Amino acid sequence: MVLNSEEEVYNFYIEYARQEGFGITTKSKRLDDDGKLKYYTLACVKSRKRISTTKNYFNPRLSTKTNCQAKINVIFGNDGCFTISSVILEHNHTLSLHKSRFQKCNKKIDAHVRRRLEVNDQAGITLSKNFHSLAIEGGGYENLTYIEKDCWNYIAKARQFRLGVGDAEALANYFLRMQQRNSNFFHLIDMDEEGRLRTVFWADARSRSAYEAFGDVISFDTTYLTNKYDMPFAPFIGVNHHGKTILFGCGLLLKENTETYI
């Protein structure tokens, strides 16, 4: 088969996997000398060897891998098309159509459902009723691509980063006043299209000067949850020539991942 994009290949194989009763994962990728994609493999989620996932030798917990060989190999051609070059359909484990929707790769909450969950939550509708109405609309719980726990997790995040009335404006105005007092004050407020806080960072003139002198090593700790949004608070800390800790800047984070830290 020849498909037009990597996304099209993924959607084709994951739909096949959902109907057959297994999950998929990207097993390997190969790039050419110029760093461009050459070919890759999508495989059953139970591929790779079964190993222990704990260092406790007295109570080992084995992974769910079975070294399953089911997979498709895909080649990216010079014409920009993706060709499924080889296929292995046989699995070495039992497939479960009923359980396939619980696979991580099959779980998804689309934009319509996310919006519905948030609106109903703000209207005071309990999540159990909210989830039940979605199941009725979808023709049954078995037809949903998510479970109630996924909805709980999404709503919990949405509540964290939903700004109160005037909060965003008040924060922006405060930072602007600080910048008017000193042009070296730096701030960044990142919000999504629905007015929810994603990332905030600020550093005053003294902190920026300290970073220029002592910024060889930076330490940060995101275990602080003292704000009303329960957002991880990240103070960026250094050490000066007297061995004292100094502040380089502060951040409020939506996620604790590399992209957010950068």
C-alpha atoms as a PDB file:
ATOM      1  CA  MET A   1       0.000   0.000   0.000  1.00  0.00           C
ATOM      2  CA  VAL A   2       1.100   3.566  -0.696  1.00  0.00           C
ATOM      3  CA  LEU A   3      -0.147   6.374   1.551  1.00  0.00           C
ATOM      4  CA  ASN A   4       0.424  10.109   1.484  1.00  0.00           C
ATOM      5  CA  SER A   5       1.663  10.894   5.002  1.00  0.00           C
ATOM      6  CA  GLU A   6       3.037   9.395   8.208  1.00  0.00           C
ATOM      7  CA  GLU A   7      -0.179  10.371   9.963  1.00  0.00           C
ATOM      8  CA  GLU A   8      -2.251   8.536   7.340  1.00  0.00           C
ATOM      9  CA  VAL A   9      -0.184   5.376   7.843  1.00  0.00           C
ATOM     10  CA  TYR A  10      -0.580   5.600  11.617  1.00  0.00           C
ATOM     11  CA  ASN A  11      -4.338   6.151  11.437  1.00  0.00           C
ATOM     12  CA  PHE A  12      -4.726   3.227   9.022  1.00  0.00           C
ATOM     13  CA  TYR A  13      -2.771   0.793  11.202  1.00  0.00           C
ATOM     14  CA  ILE A  14      -4.276   1.914  14.505  1.00  0.00           C
ATOM     15  CA  GLU A  15      -7.794   1.494  13.117  1.00  0.00           C
ATOM     16  CA  TYR A  16      -6.882  -2.023  11.982  1.00  0.00           C
ATOM     17  CA  ALA A  17      -5.380  -2.735  15.431  1.00  0.00           C
ATOM     18  CA  ARG A  18      -8.473  -1.442  17.206  1.00  0.00           C
ATOM     19  CA  GLN A  19     -10.718  -3.713  15.157  1.00  0.00           C
ATOM     20  CA  GLU A  20      -8.459  -6.731  15.720  1.00  0.00           C
ATOM     21  CA  GLY A  21      -7.976  -6.108  19.439  1.00  0.00           C
ATOM     22  CA  PHE A  22      -4.389  -4.941  20.081  1.00  0.00           C
ATOM     23  CA  GLY A  23      -2.434  -1.755  20.611  1.00  0.00           C
ATOM     24  CA  ILE A  24       0.439  -0.372  18.527  1.00  0.00           C
ATOM     25  CA  THR A  25       3.682   1.471  19.123  1.00  0.00           C
ATOM     26  CA  THR A  26       6.501   2.941  17.029  1.00  0.00           C
ATOM     27  CA  LYS A  27       9.232   0.341  17.385  1.00  0.00           C
ATOM     28  CA  SER A  28      12.070   1.853  15.367  1.00  0.00           C
ATOM     29  CA  LYS A  29      12.991   4.663  12.991  1.00  0.00           C
ATOM     30  CA  ARG A  30      15.896   5.045  10.591  1.00  0.00           C
ATOM     31  CA  LEU A  31      17.162   8.381   9.277  1.00  0.00           C
ATOM     32  CA  ASP A  32      19.457   8.998   6.335  1.00  0.00           C
ATOM     33  CA  ASP A  33      22.744  10.938   6.492  1.00  0.00           C
ATOM     34  CA  ASP A  34      20.849  14.222   6.102  1.00  0.00           C
ATOM     35  CA  GLY A  35      18.623  13.478   9.075  1.00  0.00           C
ATOM     36  CA  LYS A  36      15.542  12.797   6.955  1.00  0.00           C
ATOM     37  CA  LEU A  37      13.199   9.904   7.676  1.00  0.00           C
ATOM     38  CA  LYS A  38      14.119   6.817   5.645  1.00  0.00           C
ATOM     39  CA  TYR A  39      11.915   4.065   7.059  1.00  0.00           C
ATOM     40  CA  TYR A  40      10.252   3.050  10.309  1.00  0.00           C
ATOM     41  CA  THR A  41       8.312   0.226  11.939  1.00  0.00           C
ATOM     42  CA  LEU A  42       4.915   0.244  13.650  1.00  0.00           C
ATOM     43  CA  ALA A  43       4.512  -2.832  15.829  1.00  0.00           C
ATOM     44  CA  CYS A  44       2.209  -4.514  18.301  1.00  0.00           C
ATOM     45  CA  VAL A  45       2.430  -2.913  21.735  1.00  0.00           C
ATOM     46  CA  LYS A  46       3.554  -6.288  23.125  1.00  0.00           C
ATOM     47  CA  SER A  47       6.670  -6.370  20.964  1.00  0.00           C
ATOM     48  CA  ARG A  48      10.120  -6.544  22.585  1.00  0.00           C
ATOM     49  CA  LYS A  49      11.239  -9.056  25.183  1.00  0.00           C
ATOM     50  CA  ARG A  50       9.566  -9.563  28.535  1.00  0.00           C
ATOM     51  CA  ILE A  51      11.775  -8.111  31.269  1.00  0.00           C
ATOM     52  CA  SER A  52      11.468  -7.230  34.921  1.00  0.00           C
ATOM     53  CA  THR A  53      10.269  -3.681  35.590  1.00  0.00           C
ATOM     54  CA  THR A  54      11.545  -3.572  39.188  1.00  0.00           C
ATOM     55  CA  LYS A  55      14.943  -3.829  40.867  1.00  0.00           C
ATOM     56  CA  ASN A  56      13.456  -5.922  43.682  1.00  0.00           C
ATOM     57  CA  TYR A  57      14.835  -9.368  42.859  1.00  0.00           C
ATOM     58  CA  PHE A  58      12.694 -10.994  45.559  1.00  0.00           C
ATOM     59  CA  ASN A  59       9.468  -9.683  44.061  1.00  0.00           C
ATOM     60  CA  PRO A  60      10.038  -9.155  40.332  1.00  0.00           C
ATOM     61  CA  ARG A  61       7.259  -7.641  38.261  1.00  0.00           C
ATOM     62  CA  LEU A  62       7.421  -8.723  34.651  1.00  0.00           C
ATOM     63  CA  SER A  63       6.412  -6.401  31.854  1.00  0.00           C
ATOM     64  CA  THR A  64       3.480  -7.287  29.610  1.00  0.00           C
ATOM     65  CA  LYS A  65       5.745  -7.684  26.571  1.00  0.00           C
ATOM     66  CA  THR A  66       5.698 -11.053  24.790  1.00  0.00           C
ATOM     67  CA  ASN A  67       8.213 -10.370  21.987  1.00  0.00           C
ATOM     68  CA  CYS A  68       5.285 -10.309  19.562  1.00  0.00           C
ATOM     69  CA  GLN A  69       6.452 -10.008  15.947  1.00  0.00           C
ATOM     70  CA  ALA A  70       3.301  -8.450  14.435  1.00  0.00           C
ATOM     71  CA  LYS A  71       4.296  -5.251  12.639  1.00  0.00           C
ATOM     72  CA  ILE A  72       4.388  -3.205   9.454  1.00  0.00           C
ATOM     73  CA  ASN A  73       7.514  -1.724   7.897  1.00  0.00           C
ATOM     74  CA  VAL A  74       7.134   1.619   6.135  1.00  0.00           C
ATOM     75  CA  ILE A  75       9.492   3.219   3.603  1.00  0.00           C
ATOM     76  CA  PHE A  76       9.529   6.958   2.909  1.00  0.00           C
ATOM     77  CA  GLY A  77      10.235   7.464  -0.775  1.00  0.00           C
ATOM     78  CA  ASN A  78      11.768  10.341  -2.711  1.00  0.00           C
ATOM     79  CA  ASP A  79       8.322  11.104  -4.133  1.00  0.00           C
ATOM     80  CA  GLY A  80       7.084  12.001  -0.637  1.00  0.00           C
ATOM     81  CA  CYS A  81       4.864   8.916  -0.325  1.00  0.00           C
ATOM     82  CA  PHE A  82       4.899   6.267   2.384  1.00  0.00           C
ATOM     83  CA  THR A  83       4.950   2.642   1.243  1.00  0.00           C
ATOM     84  CA  ILE A  84       4.040  -0.269   3.529  1.00  0.00           C
ATOM     85  CA  SER A  85       6.795  -2.603   2.354  1.00  0.00           C
ATOM     86  CA  SER A  86       6.204  -5.663   4.565  1.00  0.00           C
ATOM     87  CA  VAL A  87       3.578  -6.936   6.983  1.00  0.00           C
ATOM     88  CA  ILE A  88       3.458  -9.563   9.735  1.00  0.00           C
ATOM     89  CA  LEU A  89      -0.088 -10.225  10.948  1.00  0.00           C
ATOM     90  CA  GLU A  90       0.403 -13.135  13.360  1.00  0.00           C
ATOM     91  CA  HIS A  91       0.504 -12.459  17.131  1.00  0.00           C
ATOM     92  CA  ASN A  92       1.921 -14.725  19.829  1.00  0.00           C
ATOM     93  CA  HIS A  93      -0.688 -13.679  22.395  1.00  0.00           C
ATOM     94  CA  THR A  94      -4.460 -13.539  22.716  1.00  0.00           C
ATOM     95  CA  LEU A  95      -6.177 -10.542  21.115  1.00  0.00           C
ATOM     96  CA  SER A  96      -9.062  -8.813  22.875  1.00  0.00           C
ATOM     97  CA  LEU A  97     -11.441  -6.639  20.916  1.00  0.00           C
ATOM     98  CA  HIS A  98     -13.170  -5.656  24.170  1.00  0.00           C
ATOM     99  CA  LYS A  99      -9.932  -4.482  25.811  1.00  0.00           C
ATOM    100  CA  SER A 100      -8.324  -2.799  22.804  1.00  0.00           C
ATOM    101  CA  ARG A 101     -10.065   0.502  23.515  1.00  0.00           C
ATOM    102  CA  PHE A 102      -8.220   0.648  26.845  1.00  0.00           C
ATOM    103  CA  GLN A 103      -4.854   0.653  25.089  1.00  0.00           C
ATOM    104  CA  LYS A 104      -3.052   3.974  25.515  1.00  0.00           C
ATOM    105  CA  CYS A 105      -2.755   4.453  21.754  1.00  0.00           C
ATOM    106  CA  ASN A 106      -6.539   4.075  21.339  1.00  0.00           C
ATOM    107  CA  LYS A 107      -7.514   6.475  24.091  1.00  0.00           C
ATOM    108  CA  LYS A 108      -8.379   9.960  22.915  1.00  0.00           C
ATOM    109  CA  ILE A 109     -10.754  12.761  23.887  1.00  0.00           C
ATOM    110  CA  ASP A 110     -11.596  14.943  20.888  1.00  0.00           C
ATOM    111  CA  ALA A 111     -12.143  18.709  20.984  1.00  0.00           C
ATOM    112  CA  HIS A 112     -15.952  18.407  21.072  1.00  0.00           C
ATOM    113  CA  VAL A 113     -15.880  16.126  24.122  1.00  0.00           C
ATOM    114  CA  ARG A 114     -13.301  18.280  25.906  1.00  0.00           C
ATOM    115  CA  ARG A 115     -15.432  21.371  25.405  1.00  0.00           C
ATOM    116  CA  ARG A 116     -18.540  19.518  26.560  1.00  0.00           C
ATOM    117  CA  LEU A 117     -16.796  18.299  29.717  1.00  0.00           C
ATOM    118  CA  GLU A 118     -15.597  21.791  30.631  1.00  0.00           C
ATOM    119  CA  VAL A 119     -18.930  23.539  29.965  1.00  0.00           C
ATOM    120  CA  ASN A 120     -20.875  20.980  31.997  1.00  0.00           C
ATOM    121  CA  ASP A 121     -18.304  21.137  34.789  1.00  0.00           C
ATOM    122  CA  GLN A 122     -18.644  24.924  35.005  1.00  0.00           C
ATOM    123  CA  ALA A 123     -22.429  24.489  35.026  1.00  0.00           C
ATOM    124  CA  GLY A 124     -22.135  22.273  38.108  1.00  0.00           C
ATOM    125  CA  ILE A 125     -23.048  18.977  36.430  1.00  0.00           C
ATOM    126  CA  THR A 126     -21.328  16.049  38.139  1.00  0.00           C
ATOM    127  CA  LEU A 127     -18.759  14.159  36.137  1.00  0.00           C
ATOM    128  CA  SER A 128     -20.612  10.844  36.471  1.00  0.00           C
ATOM    129  CA  LYS A 129     -23.710  12.377  34.845  1.00  0.00           C
ATOM    130  CA  ASN A 130     -21.490  14.141  32.335  1.00  0.00           C
ATOM    131  CA  PHE A 131     -19.815  10.863  31.366  1.00  0.00           C
ATOM    132  CA  HIS A 132     -23.133   8.994  31.275  1.00  0.00           C
ATOM    133  CA  SER A 133     -24.600  11.512  28.812  1.00  0.00           C
ATOM    134  CA  LEU A 134     -21.558  11.099  26.541  1.00  0.00           C
ATOM    135  CA  ALA A 135     -22.007   7.321  26.633  1.00  0.00           C
ATOM    136  CA  ILE A 136     -25.676   7.638  25.642  1.00  0.00           C
ATOM    137  CA  GLU A 137     -24.764  10.024  22.818  1.00  0.00           C
ATOM    138  CA  GLY A 138     -22.052   7.624  21.638  1.00  0.00           C
ATOM    139  CA  GLY A 139     -24.345   4.605  21.635  1.00  0.00           C
ATOM    140  CA  GLY A 140     -22.886   2.914  24.708  1.00  0.00           C
ATOM    141  CA  TYR A 141     -19.818   2.904  26.946  1.00  0.00           C
ATOM    142  CA  GLU A 142     -18.122   0.335  24.708  1.00  0.00           C
ATOM    143  CA  ASN A 143     -18.104   2.830  21.816  1.00  0.00           C
ATOM    144  CA  LEU A 144     -16.196   5.532  23.694  1.00  0.00           C
ATOM    145  CA  THR A 145     -12.472   5.996  23.100  1.00  0.00           C
ATOM    146  CA  TYR A 146     -11.931   6.993  26.732  1.00  0.00           C
ATOM    147  CA  ILE A 147     -13.042   5.931  30.198  1.00  0.00           C
ATOM    148  CA  GLU A 148     -14.426   7.908  33.122  1.00  0.00           C
ATOM    149  CA  LYS A 149     -10.984   8.172  34.734  1.00  0.00           C
ATOM    150  CA  ASP A 150      -9.652   9.906  31.603  1.00  0.00           C
ATOM    151  CA  CYS A 151     -12.451  12.469  31.934  1.00  0.00           C
ATOM    152  CA  TRP A 152     -11.600  12.969  35.616  1.00  0.00           C
ATOM    153  CA  ASN A 153      -7.957  13.595  34.711  1.00  0.00           C
ATOM    154  CA  TYR A 154      -8.871  16.083  31.986  1.00  0.00           C
ATOM    155  CA  ILE A 155     -11.291  18.021  34.198  1.00  0.00           C
ATOM    156  CA  ALA A 156      -8.735  18.133  37.008  1.00  0.00           C
ATOM    157  CA  LYS A 157      -6.216  19.753  34.655  1.00  0.00           C
ATOM    158  CA  ALA A 158      -8.815  22.130  33.233  1.00  0.00           C
ATOM    159  CA  ARG A 159      -9.775  23.293  36.735  1.00  0.00           C
ATOM    160  CA  GLN A 160      -6.142  23.925  37.603  1.00  0.00           C
ATOM    161  CA  PHE A 161      -5.515  26.286  34.737  1.00  0.00           C
ATOM    162  CA  ARG A 162      -8.890  28.013  34.439  1.00  0.00           C
ATOM    163  CA  LEU A 163      -8.255  31.646  35.328  1.00  0.00           C
ATOM    164  CA  GLY A 164     -10.602  33.526  37.595  1.00  0.00           C
ATOM    165  CA  VAL A 165     -12.253  36.775  36.489  1.00  0.00           C
ATOM    166  CA  GLY A 166      -9.582  39.437  35.937  1.00  0.00           C
ATOM    167  CA  ASP A 167      -6.690  37.219  37.019  1.00  0.00           C
ATOM    168  CA  ALA A 168      -4.893  37.280  33.669  1.00  0.00           C
ATOM    169  CA  GLU A 169      -5.318  41.036  33.296  1.00  0.00           C
ATOM    170  CA  ALA A 170      -4.171  41.672  36.865  1.00  0.00           C
ATOM    171  CA  LEU A 171      -1.066  39.535  36.393  1.00  0.00           C
ATOM    172  CA  ALA A 172      -0.180  41.198  33.085  1.00  0.00           C
ATOM    173  CA  ASN A 173      -0.696  44.697  34.538  1.00  0.00           C
ATOM    174  CA  TYR A 174       1.517  43.881  37.523  1.00  0.00           C
ATOM    175  CA  PHE A 175       4.332  42.699  35.277  1.00  0.00           C
ATOM    176  CA  LEU A 176       3.980  45.791  33.083  1.00  0.00           C
ATOM    177  CA  ARG A 177       4.295  48.049  36.132  1.00  0.00           C
ATOM    178  CA  MET A 178       7.437  46.186  37.176  1.00  0.00           C
ATOM    179  CA  GLN A 179       8.881  46.614  33.689  1.00  0.00           C
ATOM    180  CA  GLN A 180       8.100  50.339  33.715  1.00  0.00           C
ATOM    181  CA  ARG A 181      10.098  50.676  36.932  1.00  0.00           C
ATOM    182  CA  ASN A 182      13.046  48.795  35.452  1.00  0.00           C
ATOM    183  CA  SER A 183      13.395  48.006  31.763  1.00  0.00           C
ATOM    184  CA  ASN A 184      15.520  44.939  32.581  1.00  0.00           C
ATOM    185  CA  PHE A 185      12.549  43.190  34.197  1.00  0.00           C
ATOM    186  CA  PHE A 186      11.581  40.258  31.952  1.00  0.00           C
ATOM    187  CA  HIS A 187       8.298  38.365  31.919  1.00  0.00           C
ATOM    188  CA  LEU A 188       6.439  35.916  29.724  1.00  0.00           C
ATOM    189  CA  ILE A 189       2.792  34.862  30.037  1.00  0.00           C
ATOM    190  CA  ASP A 190       1.622  32.030  27.822  1.00  0.00           C
ATOM    191  CA  MET A 191      -2.129  31.395  27.581  1.00  0.00           C
ATOM    192  CA  ASP A 192      -4.269  29.273  25.302  1.00  0.00           C
ATOM    193  CA  GLU A 193      -7.163  30.528  23.170  1.00  0.00           C
ATOM    194  CA  GLU A 194      -9.653  29.886  25.969  1.00  0.00           C
ATOM    195  CA  GLY A 195      -7.894  32.059  28.531  1.00  0.00           C
ATOM    196  CA  ARG A 196      -6.237  29.286  30.500  1.00  0.00           C
ATOM    197  CA  LEU A 197      -2.809  29.790  31.964  1.00  0.00           C
ATOM    198  CA  ARG A 198      -0.118  27.562  30.490  1.00  0.00           C
ATOM    199  CA  THR A 199       3.223  29.038  31.517  1.00  0.00           C
ATOM    200  CA  VAL A 200       4.437  32.132  33.372  1.00  0.00           C
ATOM    201  CA  PHE A 201       8.074  33.163  33.781  1.00  0.00           C
ATOM    202  CA  TRP A 202       9.615  36.270  35.261  1.00  0.00           C
ATOM    203  CA  ALA A 203      13.066  37.548  36.258  1.00  0.00           C
ATOM    204  CA  ASP A 204      13.936  40.962  37.662  1.00  0.00           C
ATOM    205  CA  ALA A 205      17.079  42.974  36.924  1.00  0.00           C
ATOM    206  CA  ARG A 206      18.976  41.703  39.988  1.00  0.00           C
ATOM    207  CA  SER A 207      18.234  38.070  39.095  1.00  0.00           C
ATOM    208  CA  ARG A 208      19.344  38.554  35.492  1.00  0.00           C
ATOM    209  CA  SER A 209      22.565  40.202  36.651  1.00  0.00           C
ATOM    210  CA  ALA A 210      23.195  37.354  39.079  1.00  0.00           C
ATOM    211  CA  TYR A 211      22.662  34.848  36.280  1.00  0.00           C
ATOM    212  CA  GLU A 212      25.272  36.580  34.113  1.00  0.00           C
ATOM    213  CA  ALA A 213      27.835  36.181  36.901  1.00  0.00           C
ATOM    214  CA  PHE A 214      26.896  32.836  38.441  1.00  0.00           C
ATOM    215  CA  GLY A 215      24.751  31.033  35.862  1.00  0.00           C
ATOM    216  CA  ASP A 216      27.159  28.162  35.220  1.00  0.00           C
ATOM    217  CA  VAL A 217      24.960  25.812  37.252  1.00  0.00           C
ATOM    218  CA  ILE A 218      21.186  26.132  37.637  1.00  0.00           C
ATOM    219  CA  SER A 219      19.023  24.201  40.057  1.00  0.00           C
ATOM    220  CA  PHE A 220      15.239  24.124  40.092  1.00  0.00           C
ATOM    221  CA  ASP A 221      12.653  22.295  42.161  1.00  0.00           C
ATOM    222  CA  THR A 222       9.000  21.986  41.121  1.00  0.00           C
ATOM    223  CA  THR A 223       7.665  20.373  44.302  1.00  0.00           C
ATOM    224  CA  TYR A 224       6.077  23.621  45.465  1.00  0.00           C
ATOM    225  CA  LEU A 225       2.280  23.793  45.007  1.00  0.00           C
ATOM    226  CA  THR A 226       1.351  26.924  46.942  1.00  0.00           C
ATOM    227  CA  ASN A 227      -0.796  28.782  44.398  1.00  0.00           C
ATOM    228  CA  LYS A 228      -4.533  28.445  43.964  1.00  0.00           C
ATOM    229  CA  TYR A 229      -4.164  26.780  40.561  1.00  0.00           C
ATOM    230  CA  ASP A 230      -1.973  24.016  42.046  1.00  0.00           C
ATOM    231  CA  MET A 231       0.513  24.727  39.283  1.00  0.00           C
ATOM    232  CA  PRO A 232       4.110  23.616  39.868  1.00  0.00           C
ATOM    233  CA  PHE A 233       6.120  26.648  40.977  1.00  0.00           C
ATOM    234  CA  ALA A 234       9.717  26.514  39.728  1.00  0.00           C
ATOM    235  CA  PRO A 235      12.290  28.827  41.328  1.00  0.00           C
ATOM    236  CA  PHE A 236      15.553  28.783  39.357  1.00  0.00           C
ATOM    237  CA  ILE A 237      18.387  28.867  41.874  1.00  0.00           C
ATOM    238  CA  GLY A 238      22.161  29.342  41.729  1.00  0.00           C
ATOM    239  CA  VAL A 239      25.079  29.790  44.120  1.00  0.00           C
ATOM    240  CA  ASN A 240      27.232  32.918  44.347  1.00  0.00           C
ATOM    241  CA  HIS A 241      30.931  33.279  45.225  1.00  0.00           C
ATOM    242  CA  HIS A 242      30.060  33.308  48.947  1.00  0.00           C
ATOM    243  CA  GLY A 243      28.336  29.937  48.718  1.00  0.00           C
ATOM    244  CA  LYS A 244      24.903  31.550  49.202  1.00  0.00           C
ATOM    245  CA  THR A 245      21.860  30.640  47.137  1.00  0.00           C
ATOM    246  CA  ILE A 246      20.620  33.294  44.738  1.00  0.00           C
ATOM    247  CA  LEU A 247      17.471  33.539  42.633  1.00  0.00           C
ATOM    248  CA  PHE A 248      17.744  33.644  38.828  1.00  0.00           C
ATOM    249  CA  GLY A 249      14.031  33.619  37.988  1.00  0.00           C
ATOM    250  CA  CYS A 250      10.661  31.994  38.704  1.00  0.00           C
ATOM    251  CA  GLY A 251       8.142  30.038  36.705  1.00  0.00           C
ATOM    252  CA  LEU A 252       4.619  28.660  36.954  1.00  0.00           C
ATOM    253  CA  LEU A 253       4.310  25.611  34.752  1.00  0.00           C
ATOM    254  CA  LEU A 254       1.510  23.774  32.996  1.00  0.00           C
ATOM    255  CA  LYS A 255       3.566  20.632  32.433  1.00  0.00           C
ATOM    256  CA  GLU A 256       6.871  19.373  33.763  1.00  0.00           C
ATOM    257  CA  ASN A 257       8.475  18.473  30.438  1.00  0.00           C
ATOM    258  CA  THR A 258      11.481  19.571  28.398  1.00  0.00           C
ATOM    259  CA  GLU A 259       9.515  21.897  26.104  1.00  0.00           C
ATOM    260  CA  THR A 260       8.022  23.794  29.027  1.00  0.00           C
ATOM    261  CA  TYR A 261      11.383  24.170  30.790  1.00  0.00           C
ATOM    262  CA  ILE A 262      13.031  25.482  27.633  1.00  0.00           C
END
